[in-house]
Amino acid sequence: MSPGTPIGGRNSKSEGRRVLGNFFSLSLVQFANYVAPLITLPYLFRVLGPSNYGLTEMARAISVYFLILTDYGFSLSATREISVHRDNPQRVSEVFSAVLLLKFLLLLLSFGVLALLVLVVPRLRADWPVYFLSFGSVIGMWLFPVWLFQGLERMKYLPLLNVTAKTLVIVSLFVFIRAPDDYLYVPLLQSAGTILVGLAGLGLALGTFRVRFRLPPVRVLAGELTNGWHLFISKMATTFYTSGNIVILGLLTDSTFVAYYAPGEKIARAAADGLQQPLSQAIFPHIGRLASQSRSAALRFTAKTAKIAGAASLAISVALFAAAPYVGSIFGPKFEAGIPVLRILSLLPVLICLSNIFGVQVMANFGLQRLLTRILTVAGVWNILLAVLLAGPFKHIGVAVAALTTEIIVTTAMFFALRRRGLNVFARHKPTESSQA
């Protein structure tokens, strides 16, 4: 393969059709990632009971921190870099090799930290198997170079891998989990599914895109770490007011209250991410390329997307609020205490959609990573303080209020920060206006 031969191949279709195709492919992936757990969630709650189900959710929430640490900021920084240099196979292979190696080193660090936490925290030590089994999902995400597929805009391969793996996990959960004592099968089977799709994705990437792994020089490793640093801090800060709330609730109360909170949060975030995640992943490299060529074109495209996605996510929030009692009834009478959580968090879809457009699509693509990091870091600290303050007296309800308040603060802060810099997304819908940005 000559240096000038594009790894991803040139596509004669318009950019708009490619983005739309990627969006639908990623929507199927997102369907597998979020709808699959929702199918099994009521069953697991009923069979395992609030206490054991809450324990598995606590373990999952802790593993999310290690997922973020291992991913670093590569899901965005490597995606953007591969997208820009996708016509240079040597550079793509260099980025691929560096990111895969760095993620492996971060994986080892994550395992060491988990082992230390389990050793020194009595509440974790008492149930150590469930935490180590949940760590398997971190291994699976290290193996799967989804950032390579996204950067090359070749997402059509992802749905088959994800849907197949998730289907196997769903069937396995219904087959093997029959009593409360079967709770260890939950992290075991979920991790096995993630590792399976990770191995398949890595093999497909090596076989289809003809990237080659070569030990990268130190300067390349350092460069990739630098590129992803602010994005990593932003994602870790975000985790403080997403999965962090489950950890806080579990440490300050008990796993039963986690069981009342976790399903409502999972459903609300699934409703949000079901639209936002595939859209974000599909348009991020496209906006990145537009921004490197024409700032006004990037803003124009973002403005159109913001209006459509904002309206759709608002409708989802309204529907979720209205349907909360009916959703809660699926879990049985023991879940009645969790219905208020779902109603409080029903605003998350519209808030998360807007904050993703403001933060990831505009700030990250327009060189405002430090501003994004500051906003999310402050929000993460605020959420921790508020959740700790409210978890004791108000349990799961207090933590839900903390989560909603934090999302409102994040979205509002991003909007006004962009507006002060002349980047009012909703005002960039006309070519004449966006050209003045």
Protein backbone atom coordinates (compact mmCIF):
# COMPACT_ATOMS: atom_id res chain seq x y z
CA MET A 1 0.00 0.00 0.00
CA SER A 2 1.49 3.31 -1.04
CA PRO A 3 1.67 6.22 1.38
CA GLY A 4 -0.88 8.15 -0.63
CA THR A 5 -3.56 5.47 -0.62
CA PRO A 6 -6.34 6.40 1.83
CA ILE A 7 -6.98 3.72 4.44
CA GLY A 8 -10.66 4.53 4.67
CA GLY A 9 -11.10 4.78 0.91
CA ARG A 10 -12.52 7.74 -0.95
CA ASN A 11 -16.27 7.98 -1.11
CA SER A 12 -18.01 9.68 -4.02
CA LYS A 13 -21.12 10.33 -1.93
CA SER A 14 -21.67 13.75 -0.48
CA GLU A 15 -20.47 14.56 3.03
CA GLY A 16 -24.07 14.92 4.14
CA ARG A 17 -25.01 11.41 3.03
CA ARG A 18 -21.91 9.96 4.70
CA VAL A 19 -22.73 11.68 7.98
CA LEU A 20 -26.33 10.49 7.74
CA GLY A 21 -25.20 6.93 7.07
CA ASN A 22 -22.80 7.05 10.01
CA PHE A 23 -25.58 8.40 12.20
CA PHE A 24 -27.86 5.48 11.40
CA SER A 25 -25.05 2.97 11.92
CA LEU A 26 -24.18 4.48 15.28
CA SER A 27 -27.87 4.65 16.20
CA LEU A 28 -28.04 0.88 15.85
CA VAL A 29 -24.95 0.57 18.03
CA GLN A 30 -26.51 2.87 20.59
CA PHE A 31 -29.71 0.88 20.45
CA ALA A 32 -27.74 -2.23 21.37
CA ASN A 33 -25.79 -0.45 24.12
CA TYR A 34 -28.77 1.15 25.84
CA VAL A 35 -31.91 -0.76 24.94
CA ALA A 36 -30.32 -4.13 25.68
CA PRO A 37 -29.73 -3.28 29.37
CA LEU A 38 -33.22 -1.81 29.60
CA ILE A 39 -34.68 -5.12 28.41
CA THR A 40 -32.99 -6.99 31.24
CA LEU A 41 -33.18 -4.27 33.89
CA PRO A 42 -36.72 -5.00 35.23
CA TYR A 43 -35.98 -8.74 35.23
CA LEU A 44 -32.75 -8.31 37.18
CA PHE A 45 -34.40 -5.96 39.67
CA ARG A 46 -37.19 -8.45 40.34
CA VAL A 47 -35.03 -11.60 40.51
CA LEU A 48 -32.00 -10.25 42.36
CA GLY A 49 -33.92 -7.95 44.68
CA PRO A 50 -33.03 -4.30 45.44
CA SER A 51 -29.96 -5.12 47.56
CA ASN A 52 -28.12 -7.45 45.15
CA TYR A 53 -29.18 -5.47 42.11
CA GLY A 54 -27.90 -2.29 43.75
CA LEU A 55 -24.57 -4.03 44.40
CA THR A 56 -24.11 -4.88 40.71
CA GLU A 57 -24.93 -1.28 39.78
CA MET A 58 -22.42 -0.01 42.33
CA ALA A 59 -19.73 -2.21 40.74
CA ARG A 60 -20.70 -1.03 37.27
CA ALA A 61 -20.50 2.61 38.33
CA ILE A 62 -17.00 2.13 39.74
CA SER A 63 -15.87 0.41 36.53
CA VAL A 64 -17.01 3.48 34.57
CA TYR A 65 -14.23 5.49 36.22
CA PHE A 66 -11.69 3.03 34.88
CA LEU A 67 -13.35 3.08 31.48
CA ILE A 68 -12.82 6.86 31.41
CA LEU A 69 -9.23 6.54 32.64
CA THR A 70 -8.39 3.91 30.02
CA ASP A 71 -10.16 5.78 27.25
CA TYR A 72 -8.40 9.00 28.33
CA GLY A 73 -9.48 11.59 25.74
CA PHE A 74 -8.70 9.33 22.77
CA SER A 75 -12.32 8.74 21.77
CA LEU A 76 -12.35 12.38 20.64
CA SER A 77 -8.71 13.40 20.14
CA ALA A 78 -7.71 10.26 18.19
CA THR A 79 -10.97 10.35 16.22
CA ARG A 80 -10.28 13.94 15.19
CA GLU A 81 -6.64 13.27 14.30
CA ILE A 82 -7.42 10.17 12.23
CA SER A 83 -10.20 12.04 10.47
CA VAL A 84 -7.84 14.87 9.48
CA HIS A 85 -5.03 12.51 8.36
CA ARG A 86 -7.07 9.62 7.00
CA ASP A 87 -5.48 10.04 3.55
CA ASN A 88 -2.08 9.36 5.13
CA PRO A 89 -1.89 5.63 6.00
CA GLN A 90 1.43 5.94 7.78
CA ARG A 91 0.13 8.64 10.09
CA VAL A 92 -3.07 6.70 10.79
CA SER A 93 -1.07 3.59 11.72
CA GLU A 94 1.16 5.73 13.94
CA VAL A 95 -1.84 7.16 15.80
CA PHE A 96 -3.44 3.70 16.01
CA SER A 97 -0.30 2.15 17.51
CA ALA A 98 0.27 4.96 20.00
CA VAL A 99 -3.31 5.03 21.26
CA LEU A 100 -3.56 1.25 21.58
CA LEU A 101 -0.32 1.11 23.59
CA LEU A 102 -1.25 4.05 25.82
CA LYS A 103 -4.67 2.55 26.53
CA PHE A 104 -3.01 -0.72 27.54
CA LEU A 105 -0.71 1.07 30.00
CA LEU A 106 -3.70 2.93 31.42
CA LEU A 107 -5.53 -0.40 31.68
CA LEU A 108 -2.74 -1.78 33.88
CA LEU A 109 -2.84 1.37 36.01
CA SER A 110 -6.61 1.05 36.36
CA PHE A 111 -6.39 -2.55 37.53
CA GLY A 112 -3.79 -1.60 40.12
CA VAL A 113 -5.99 1.21 41.45
CA LEU A 114 -9.02 -1.10 41.63
CA ALA A 115 -7.04 -3.72 43.54
CA LEU A 116 -5.88 -1.08 46.00
CA LEU A 117 -9.40 0.26 46.52
CA VAL A 118 -10.83 -3.19 47.11
CA LEU A 119 -8.07 -3.88 49.60
CA VAL A 120 -8.45 -0.71 51.69
CA VAL A 121 -12.21 0.00 51.56
CA PRO A 122 -14.10 -2.47 53.78
CA ARG A 123 -17.41 -2.11 51.94
CA LEU A 124 -15.73 -2.98 48.64
CA ARG A 125 -13.57 -5.73 50.12
CA ALA A 126 -16.63 -7.60 51.39
CA ASP A 127 -17.89 -8.09 47.81
CA TRP A 128 -14.58 -8.10 45.92
CA PRO A 129 -15.56 -10.65 43.21
CA VAL A 130 -18.27 -8.44 41.74
CA TYR A 131 -15.88 -5.50 41.32
CA PHE A 132 -13.16 -7.53 39.60
CA LEU A 133 -15.68 -9.20 37.30
CA SER A 134 -17.06 -5.80 36.31
CA PHE A 135 -13.54 -4.73 35.35
CA GLY A 136 -13.80 -7.06 32.35
CA SER A 137 -15.79 -4.36 30.54
CA VAL A 138 -12.72 -2.11 30.77
CA ILE A 139 -10.65 -4.77 29.04
CA GLY A 140 -13.24 -5.07 26.28
CA MET A 141 -13.30 -1.33 25.63
CA TRP A 142 -9.50 -1.26 25.43
CA LEU A 143 -9.60 -3.90 22.70
CA PHE A 144 -12.26 -2.16 20.61
CA PRO A 145 -10.73 0.72 18.54
CA VAL A 146 -14.05 2.44 17.93
CA TRP A 147 -12.17 5.72 17.55
CA LEU A 148 -10.48 4.30 14.44
CA PHE A 149 -13.83 3.40 12.86
CA GLN A 150 -15.17 6.86 13.67
CA GLY A 151 -12.11 8.72 12.43
CA LEU A 152 -12.21 6.87 9.11
CA GLU A 153 -16.01 7.31 9.05
CA ARG A 154 -16.51 3.59 8.46
CA MET A 155 -19.13 2.93 11.11
CA LYS A 156 -21.22 0.50 9.04
CA TYR A 157 -19.34 -2.43 10.60
CA LEU A 158 -20.23 -1.54 14.18
CA PRO A 159 -23.94 -2.45 14.40
CA LEU A 160 -23.48 -6.14 13.56
CA LEU A 161 -20.73 -6.53 16.17
CA ASN A 162 -22.63 -4.77 18.93
CA VAL A 163 -26.07 -6.21 18.26
CA THR A 164 -24.71 -9.77 18.09
CA ALA A 165 -22.78 -9.43 21.35
CA LYS A 166 -25.63 -7.71 23.22
CA THR A 167 -28.11 -10.33 22.06
CA LEU A 168 -25.90 -13.09 23.43
CA VAL A 169 -25.61 -11.25 26.75
CA ILE A 170 -29.38 -10.73 27.03
CA VAL A 171 -30.13 -14.37 26.36
CA SER A 172 -27.43 -15.47 28.82
CA LEU A 173 -28.77 -13.25 31.60
CA PHE A 174 -32.26 -14.70 31.27
CA VAL A 175 -30.87 -18.24 31.16
CA PHE A 176 -28.35 -18.15 34.02
CA ILE A 177 -29.90 -15.71 36.51
CA ARG A 178 -32.71 -17.40 38.38
CA ALA A 179 -32.23 -16.40 42.05
CA PRO A 180 -30.76 -13.56 44.15
CA ASP A 181 -27.53 -15.50 44.67
CA ASP A 182 -26.86 -15.47 40.92
CA TYR A 183 -25.87 -11.79 40.98
CA LEU A 184 -22.22 -12.55 40.10
CA TYR A 185 -23.34 -13.72 36.68
CA VAL A 186 -24.39 -10.16 35.83
CA PRO A 187 -20.89 -8.59 35.67
CA LEU A 188 -19.41 -11.87 34.36
CA LEU A 189 -21.73 -12.11 31.36
CA GLN A 190 -21.70 -8.38 30.62
CA SER A 191 -17.90 -8.31 30.67
CA ALA A 192 -17.73 -11.39 28.45
CA GLY A 193 -19.93 -9.67 25.87
CA THR A 194 -17.79 -6.53 25.89
CA ILE A 195 -14.57 -8.52 25.48
CA LEU A 196 -16.10 -10.53 22.63
CA VAL A 197 -17.09 -7.44 20.64
CA GLY A 198 -13.73 -5.84 21.45
CA LEU A 199 -11.78 -8.75 19.99
CA ALA A 200 -14.01 -8.83 16.92
CA GLY A 201 -13.65 -5.07 16.40
CA LEU A 202 -9.87 -5.16 16.71
CA GLY A 203 -9.61 -8.06 14.27
CA LEU A 204 -11.88 -6.30 11.80
CA ALA A 205 -9.88 -3.10 12.02
CA LEU A 206 -6.57 -4.89 11.42
CA GLY A 207 -7.99 -6.92 8.55
CA THR A 208 -10.13 -4.31 6.82
CA PHE A 209 -8.27 -1.03 7.22
CA ARG A 210 -4.80 -2.52 6.93
CA VAL A 211 -3.43 -0.47 9.78
CA ARG A 212 -0.23 -1.85 11.25
CA PHE A 213 0.87 -1.84 14.86
CA ARG A 214 4.43 -0.61 15.33
CA LEU A 215 6.05 0.42 18.58
CA PRO A 216 5.74 4.22 18.44
CA PRO A 217 8.51 6.61 19.52
CA VAL A 218 8.21 8.43 22.82
CA ARG A 219 7.53 11.77 21.13
CA VAL A 220 4.42 10.32 19.45
CA LEU A 221 3.16 8.86 22.74
CA ALA A 222 3.73 12.19 24.47
CA GLY A 223 1.91 14.00 21.68
CA GLU A 224 -1.15 11.78 21.94
CA LEU A 225 -1.27 12.23 25.71
CA THR A 226 -1.06 15.99 25.29
CA ASN A 227 -3.81 16.03 22.65
CA GLY A 228 -6.20 14.08 24.84
CA TRP A 229 -5.42 15.67 28.21
CA HIS A 230 -8.13 18.35 28.38
CA LEU A 231 -10.71 16.00 26.90
CA PHE A 232 -9.80 13.38 29.51
CA ILE A 233 -10.20 15.86 32.37
CA SER A 234 -13.54 16.94 30.91
CA LYS A 235 -14.82 13.37 30.66
CA MET A 236 -13.58 12.49 34.14
CA ALA A 237 -15.26 15.59 35.56
CA THR A 238 -18.47 14.61 33.79
CA THR A 239 -18.26 11.17 35.38
CA PHE A 240 -18.30 12.84 38.80
CA TYR A 241 -21.91 13.86 38.22
CA THR A 242 -23.03 10.75 36.31
CA SER A 243 -21.72 7.44 37.62
CA GLY A 244 -20.22 9.24 40.62
CA ASN A 245 -23.65 9.76 42.13
CA ILE A 246 -24.23 6.01 42.35
CA VAL A 247 -20.89 5.55 44.10
CA ILE A 248 -21.64 8.35 46.57
CA LEU A 249 -25.09 6.94 47.29
CA GLY A 250 -23.72 3.45 47.76
CA LEU A 251 -20.98 4.54 50.14
CA LEU A 252 -23.15 6.89 52.23
CA THR A 253 -26.33 4.78 52.39
CA ASP A 254 -26.68 1.17 51.18
CA SER A 255 -27.21 -0.77 47.97
CA THR A 256 -31.02 -0.71 48.34
CA PHE A 257 -31.14 3.04 47.73
CA VAL A 258 -28.76 2.54 44.81
CA ALA A 259 -31.36 0.19 43.36
CA TYR A 260 -34.01 2.90 43.65
CA TYR A 261 -31.77 5.51 42.00
CA ALA A 262 -29.81 3.59 39.34
CA PRO A 263 -32.70 2.41 37.12
CA GLY A 264 -34.19 5.91 36.89
CA GLU A 265 -30.82 7.43 36.01
CA LYS A 266 -30.06 4.65 33.54
CA ILE A 267 -33.41 5.07 31.76
CA ALA A 268 -33.10 8.87 31.64
CA ARG A 269 -29.54 8.77 30.32
CA ALA A 270 -30.43 6.01 27.87
CA ALA A 271 -33.24 8.21 26.54
CA ALA A 272 -30.73 11.06 26.23
CA ASP A 273 -27.83 9.09 24.77
CA GLY A 274 -30.03 7.11 22.40
CA LEU A 275 -30.25 10.24 20.24
CA GLN A 276 -27.25 12.26 21.38
CA GLN A 277 -24.46 9.68 21.29
CA PRO A 278 -24.80 8.42 17.71
CA LEU A 279 -25.44 11.94 16.48
CA SER A 280 -22.43 13.25 18.37
CA GLN A 281 -20.11 10.52 17.13
CA ALA A 282 -21.33 10.89 13.56
CA ILE A 283 -21.00 14.67 13.28
CA PHE A 284 -17.90 15.25 15.46
CA PRO A 285 -15.30 14.31 12.82
CA HIS A 286 -17.37 16.08 10.16
CA ILE A 287 -17.50 19.33 12.14
CA GLY A 288 -13.80 18.93 12.92
CA ARG A 289 -12.93 18.81 9.24
CA LEU A 290 -15.28 21.70 8.43
CA ALA A 291 -13.74 23.79 11.21
CA SER A 292 -10.24 23.17 9.82
CA GLN A 293 -11.41 24.41 6.41
CA SER A 294 -14.15 26.97 7.08
CA ARG A 295 -15.29 28.20 10.47
CA SER A 296 -18.55 29.60 9.08
CA ALA A 297 -19.43 26.29 7.41
CA ALA A 298 -18.85 24.40 10.66
CA LEU A 299 -21.05 26.81 12.62
CA ARG A 300 -23.76 26.69 9.98
CA PHE A 301 -23.87 22.90 10.09
CA THR A 302 -23.84 22.89 13.90
CA ALA A 303 -26.71 25.39 14.10
CA LYS A 304 -28.94 23.26 11.91
CA THR A 305 -28.12 20.17 13.93
CA ALA A 306 -28.73 21.95 17.26
CA LYS A 307 -32.24 23.03 16.33
CA ILE A 308 -33.35 19.61 15.10
CA ALA A 309 -31.70 17.63 17.91
CA GLY A 310 -32.87 20.12 20.56
CA ALA A 311 -36.51 19.81 19.51
CA ALA A 312 -36.34 16.01 19.36
CA SER A 313 -34.70 15.72 22.78
CA LEU A 314 -37.26 18.08 24.35
CA ALA A 315 -40.04 15.82 23.09
CA ILE A 316 -38.23 12.83 24.62
CA SER A 317 -37.99 14.62 28.00
CA VAL A 318 -41.71 15.43 28.04
CA ALA A 319 -42.62 11.87 27.11
CA LEU A 320 -40.33 10.45 29.78
CA PHE A 321 -41.87 12.61 32.51
CA ALA A 322 -45.38 11.54 31.54
CA ALA A 323 -44.50 7.87 31.27
CA ALA A 324 -42.59 7.61 34.57
CA PRO A 325 -45.36 5.80 36.55
CA TYR A 326 -45.93 3.30 33.75
CA VAL A 327 -42.22 2.62 33.43
CA GLY A 328 -41.96 2.14 37.18
CA SER A 329 -44.79 -0.41 37.21
CA ILE A 330 -42.70 -2.73 35.03
CA PHE A 331 -40.26 -3.15 37.93
CA GLY A 332 -42.96 -4.17 40.38
CA PRO A 333 -44.21 -2.66 43.66
CA LYS A 334 -40.73 -2.61 45.22
CA PHE A 335 -39.67 0.07 42.76
CA GLU A 336 -42.34 2.62 43.70
CA ALA A 337 -39.74 4.64 45.60
CA GLY A 338 -37.73 5.03 42.40
CA ILE A 339 -40.45 6.71 40.29
CA PRO A 340 -39.71 10.26 41.61
CA VAL A 341 -36.08 9.80 40.49
CA LEU A 342 -37.18 9.12 36.94
CA ARG A 343 -39.42 12.19 36.92
CA ILE A 344 -36.71 14.44 38.33
CA LEU A 345 -34.20 13.20 35.75
CA SER A 346 -36.63 13.33 32.82
CA LEU A 347 -35.09 16.69 31.83
CA LEU A 348 -31.71 15.06 31.16
CA PRO A 349 -32.33 14.27 27.47
CA VAL A 350 -32.74 17.89 26.42
CA LEU A 351 -30.02 19.16 28.77
CA ILE A 352 -27.48 16.55 27.70
CA CYS A 353 -28.24 17.09 24.02
CA LEU A 354 -27.60 20.84 24.27
CA SER A 355 -24.53 20.52 26.48
CA ASN A 356 -23.01 18.02 24.04
CA ILE A 357 -23.51 20.41 21.14
CA PHE A 358 -22.11 23.37 23.10
CA GLY A 359 -19.22 21.45 24.67
CA VAL A 360 -18.11 18.60 22.44
CA GLN A 361 -19.14 19.79 19.00
CA VAL A 362 -18.27 23.50 19.35
CA MET A 363 -15.76 23.91 22.18
CA ALA A 364 -13.70 20.80 21.39
CA ASN A 365 -13.65 21.48 17.65
CA PHE A 366 -12.94 25.21 17.99
CA GLY A 367 -9.96 24.94 20.32
CA LEU A 368 -11.80 25.75 23.55
CA GLN A 369 -10.86 22.55 25.37
CA ARG A 370 -9.50 24.41 28.38
CA LEU A 371 -12.73 26.34 28.79
CA LEU A 372 -14.69 23.09 28.51
CA THR A 373 -12.44 21.49 31.10
CA ARG A 374 -12.93 24.35 33.57
CA ILE A 375 -16.70 24.28 33.27
CA LEU A 376 -16.97 20.51 33.71
CA THR A 377 -14.44 20.41 36.54
CA VAL A 378 -16.32 23.05 38.52
CA ALA A 379 -19.57 21.22 37.81
CA GLY A 380 -18.09 17.92 38.94
CA VAL A 381 -16.89 19.39 42.24
CA TRP A 382 -20.26 21.08 42.76
CA ASN A 383 -22.10 17.81 42.16
CA ILE A 384 -19.96 15.89 44.62
CA LEU A 385 -20.51 18.46 47.35
CA LEU A 386 -24.25 18.67 46.72
CA ALA A 387 -24.71 14.90 46.42
CA VAL A 388 -22.80 14.27 49.66
CA LEU A 389 -24.89 16.94 51.38
CA LEU A 390 -28.23 15.58 50.14
CA ALA A 391 -27.59 11.82 50.11
CA GLY A 392 -27.76 11.45 53.89
CA PRO A 393 -31.12 13.09 54.62
CA PHE A 394 -32.85 12.58 51.26
CA LYS A 395 -31.17 9.41 49.95
CA HIS A 396 -31.86 8.69 46.25
CA ILE A 397 -34.14 11.72 45.84
CA GLY A 398 -31.41 14.08 47.03
CA VAL A 399 -28.84 12.61 44.66
CA ALA A 400 -31.29 12.94 41.76
CA VAL A 401 -31.77 16.64 42.57
CA ALA A 402 -27.99 17.08 42.67
CA ALA A 403 -27.63 15.44 39.24
CA LEU A 404 -30.33 17.59 37.64
CA THR A 405 -29.02 20.81 39.17
CA THR A 406 -25.52 20.06 37.90
CA GLU A 407 -26.70 19.38 34.34
CA ILE A 408 -28.60 22.68 34.33
CA ILE A 409 -25.49 24.54 35.50
CA VAL A 410 -23.29 22.87 32.87
CA THR A 411 -25.62 23.62 29.96
CA THR A 412 -26.21 27.23 31.03
CA ALA A 413 -22.52 27.93 31.64
CA MET A 414 -21.55 26.54 28.23
CA PHE A 415 -24.18 28.57 26.41
CA PHE A 416 -23.16 31.90 27.94
CA ALA A 417 -19.44 31.13 27.62
CA LEU A 418 -19.88 30.56 23.87
CA ARG A 419 -22.12 33.58 23.52
CA ARG A 420 -19.46 35.83 25.07
CA ARG A 421 -17.02 34.57 22.42
CA GLY A 422 -19.38 35.25 19.54
CA LEU A 423 -20.30 31.60 19.12
CA ASN A 424 -24.02 31.65 19.80
CA VAL A 425 -24.97 28.34 18.19
CA PHE A 426 -28.63 29.19 17.71
CA ALA A 427 -27.74 32.43 15.93
CA ARG A 428 -25.52 30.74 13.34
CA HIS A 429 -28.20 29.44 11.03
CA LYS A 430 -27.78 32.00 8.25
CA PRO A 431 -24.68 32.01 6.03
CA THR A 432 -24.34 35.78 6.29
CA GLU A 433 -24.41 35.63 10.10
CA SER A 434 -22.04 32.68 10.45
CA SER A 435 -19.53 34.24 8.11
CA GLN A 436 -19.13 37.10 10.55
CA ALA A 437 -18.09 34.75 13.37
